[in-house]
Each structure stands twice: as structure tokens, then as C-alpha cells.
């Protein structure tokens, strides 16, 4: 059976932290105010959220 080329690549490797970062980034890009994203993420400093 012939397999498509895309299945011959190694699987993607995501950590829970990657999903956390993607969620916060997407929320901010979609209009969530950064200070709200900061509170959701539990960051004490806005620079951590925006960094």
C-alpha cells in the first residue's frame, strides 16, 4: 500500500505549555485585552504575557 508523503514525517511534538501559549496568543490577537490575558495566564508581570 502506498502511503502519502506527509505520513512519512515524524509526528509533531507539542507540550501542554505550547497549547497554553497558543491559547493566550490567539486570545490577544482576537481582541482580548492583554491585562485580561495576563490574569487568565496567572502572570504577575504584563511583560511575561506579552513577551
N, C-alpha and C. Protein backbone atom coordinates (compact mmCIF):
# COMPACT_ATOMS: atom_id res chain seq x y z
N UNK A 1 0.84 -1.18 0.00
CA UNK A 1 0.00 0.00 0.00
C UNK A 1 0.88 1.24 0.00
N UNK A 2 0.59 2.16 -0.88
CA UNK A 2 1.35 3.40 -0.97
C UNK A 2 0.83 4.41 0.05
N UNK A 3 1.73 4.97 0.85
CA UNK A 3 1.35 5.99 1.83
C UNK A 3 1.72 7.37 1.31
N UNK A 4 0.86 8.34 1.50
CA UNK A 4 1.20 9.71 1.09
C UNK A 4 2.47 10.19 1.79
N UNK A 5 3.22 11.06 1.14
CA UNK A 5 4.49 11.56 1.65
C UNK A 5 4.35 12.19 3.04
N UNK A 6 3.26 12.89 3.29
CA UNK A 6 3.10 13.60 4.56
C UNK A 6 3.09 12.66 5.76
N UNK A 7 2.79 11.40 5.56
CA UNK A 7 2.75 10.46 6.67
C UNK A 7 4.14 9.90 7.00
N UNK A 8 5.11 10.22 6.19
CA UNK A 8 6.46 9.73 6.42
C UNK A 8 7.28 10.64 7.33
N UNK A 9 6.69 11.78 7.73
CA UNK A 9 7.40 12.69 8.62
C UNK A 9 7.24 12.25 10.07
N UNK A 10 8.18 12.65 10.92
CA UNK A 10 8.00 12.33 12.34
C UNK A 10 6.78 13.10 12.89
N UNK A 11 6.14 12.56 13.92
CA UNK A 11 4.97 13.25 14.47
C UNK A 11 5.36 14.58 15.11
N UNK A 12 4.42 15.51 15.12
CA UNK A 12 4.64 16.78 15.79
C UNK A 12 4.70 16.54 17.29
N UNK A 13 5.50 17.32 17.96
CA UNK A 13 5.68 17.14 19.39
C UNK A 13 5.30 18.43 20.10
N UNK A 14 4.13 18.45 20.73
CA UNK A 14 3.66 19.61 21.47
C UNK A 14 3.64 19.30 22.96
N UNK A 15 3.91 20.32 23.76
CA UNK A 15 3.81 20.18 25.21
C UNK A 15 2.58 20.94 25.68
N UNK A 16 2.11 20.70 26.88
CA UNK A 16 0.99 21.49 27.40
C UNK A 16 1.28 22.99 27.38
N UNK A 17 2.53 23.36 27.63
CA UNK A 17 2.89 24.77 27.61
C UNK A 17 2.71 25.37 26.22
N UNK A 18 3.00 24.62 25.18
CA UNK A 18 2.79 25.11 23.81
C UNK A 18 1.32 25.46 23.59
N UNK A 19 0.41 24.59 24.04
CA UNK A 19 -1.01 24.88 23.88
C UNK A 19 -1.43 26.08 24.71
N UNK A 20 -0.86 26.24 25.87
CA UNK A 20 -1.14 27.40 26.72
C UNK A 20 -0.73 28.68 26.00
N UNK A 21 0.48 28.68 25.43
CA UNK A 21 0.96 29.86 24.71
C UNK A 21 0.10 30.16 23.49
N UNK A 22 -0.28 29.11 22.75
CA UNK A 22 -1.14 29.30 21.58
C UNK A 22 -2.48 29.90 21.98
N UNK A 23 -3.06 29.42 23.07
CA UNK A 23 -4.34 29.92 23.54
C UNK A 23 -4.26 31.40 23.89
N UNK A 24 -3.26 31.79 24.67
CA UNK A 24 -3.12 33.19 25.09
C UNK A 24 -2.82 34.08 23.89
N UNK A 25 -1.93 33.64 23.00
CA UNK A 25 -1.59 34.42 21.80
C UNK A 25 -2.82 34.63 20.93
N UNK A 26 -3.58 33.57 20.69
CA UNK A 26 -4.78 33.68 19.87
C UNK A 26 -5.81 34.60 20.51
N UNK A 27 -5.95 34.51 21.82
CA UNK A 27 -6.92 35.35 22.53
C UNK A 27 -6.56 36.84 22.38
N UNK A 28 -5.28 37.16 22.54
CA UNK A 28 -4.85 38.56 22.41
C UNK A 28 -5.02 39.03 20.97
N UNK A 29 -4.63 38.22 20.01
CA UNK A 29 -4.78 38.60 18.60
C UNK A 29 -6.24 38.75 18.19
N UNK A 30 -7.13 38.07 18.91
CA UNK A 30 -8.56 38.15 18.62
C UNK A 30 -9.25 39.29 19.37
N UNK A 31 -8.47 40.05 20.13
CA UNK A 31 -9.03 41.24 20.77
C UNK A 31 -9.13 41.22 22.28
N UNK A 32 -8.75 40.12 22.92
CA UNK A 32 -8.78 40.10 24.38
C UNK A 32 -7.74 41.09 24.90
N UNK A 33 -8.11 41.99 25.80
CA UNK A 33 -7.14 42.93 26.35
C UNK A 33 -5.99 42.18 27.04
N UNK A 34 -4.77 42.62 26.80
CA UNK A 34 -3.62 41.91 27.39
C UNK A 34 -3.68 41.76 28.91
N UNK A 35 -4.24 42.75 29.62
CA UNK A 35 -4.28 42.62 31.08
C UNK A 35 -5.24 41.51 31.51
N UNK A 36 -6.25 41.22 30.69
CA UNK A 36 -7.14 40.09 30.98
C UNK A 36 -6.42 38.77 30.70
N UNK A 37 -5.69 38.72 29.58
CA UNK A 37 -4.90 37.53 29.27
C UNK A 37 -3.87 37.28 30.36
N UNK A 38 -3.30 38.34 30.89
CA UNK A 38 -2.33 38.22 31.98
C UNK A 38 -2.98 37.54 33.18
N UNK A 39 -4.18 37.97 33.53
CA UNK A 39 -4.89 37.37 34.67
C UNK A 39 -5.23 35.90 34.40
N UNK A 40 -5.68 35.60 33.20
CA UNK A 40 -6.02 34.22 32.85
C UNK A 40 -4.78 33.33 32.95
N UNK A 41 -3.64 33.85 32.47
CA UNK A 41 -2.40 33.07 32.48
C UNK A 41 -1.77 33.00 33.86
N UNK A 42 -2.21 33.89 34.77
CA UNK A 42 -1.63 33.89 36.11
C UNK A 42 -0.27 34.54 36.17
N UNK A 43 0.01 35.42 35.21
CA UNK A 43 1.30 36.10 35.20
C UNK A 43 1.27 37.31 36.13
N UNK A 44 2.34 37.52 36.84
CA UNK A 44 2.45 38.67 37.73
C UNK A 44 2.90 39.92 37.01
N UNK A 45 3.48 39.75 35.82
CA UNK A 45 4.02 40.88 35.08
C UNK A 45 3.50 40.83 33.65
N UNK A 46 2.99 41.95 33.16
CA UNK A 46 2.45 42.00 31.80
C UNK A 46 3.51 41.67 30.76
N UNK A 47 4.76 41.96 31.06
CA UNK A 47 5.84 41.65 30.12
C UNK A 47 6.00 40.14 29.90
N UNK A 48 5.66 39.35 30.88
CA UNK A 48 5.68 37.90 30.72
C UNK A 48 4.62 37.48 29.71
N UNK A 49 3.44 38.08 29.83
CA UNK A 49 2.34 37.76 28.93
C UNK A 49 2.65 38.21 27.51
N UNK A 50 3.20 39.38 27.36
CA UNK A 50 3.42 39.97 26.05
C UNK A 50 4.76 39.58 25.44
N UNK A 51 5.62 38.92 26.21
CA UNK A 51 6.96 38.60 25.75
C UNK A 51 6.97 37.51 24.77
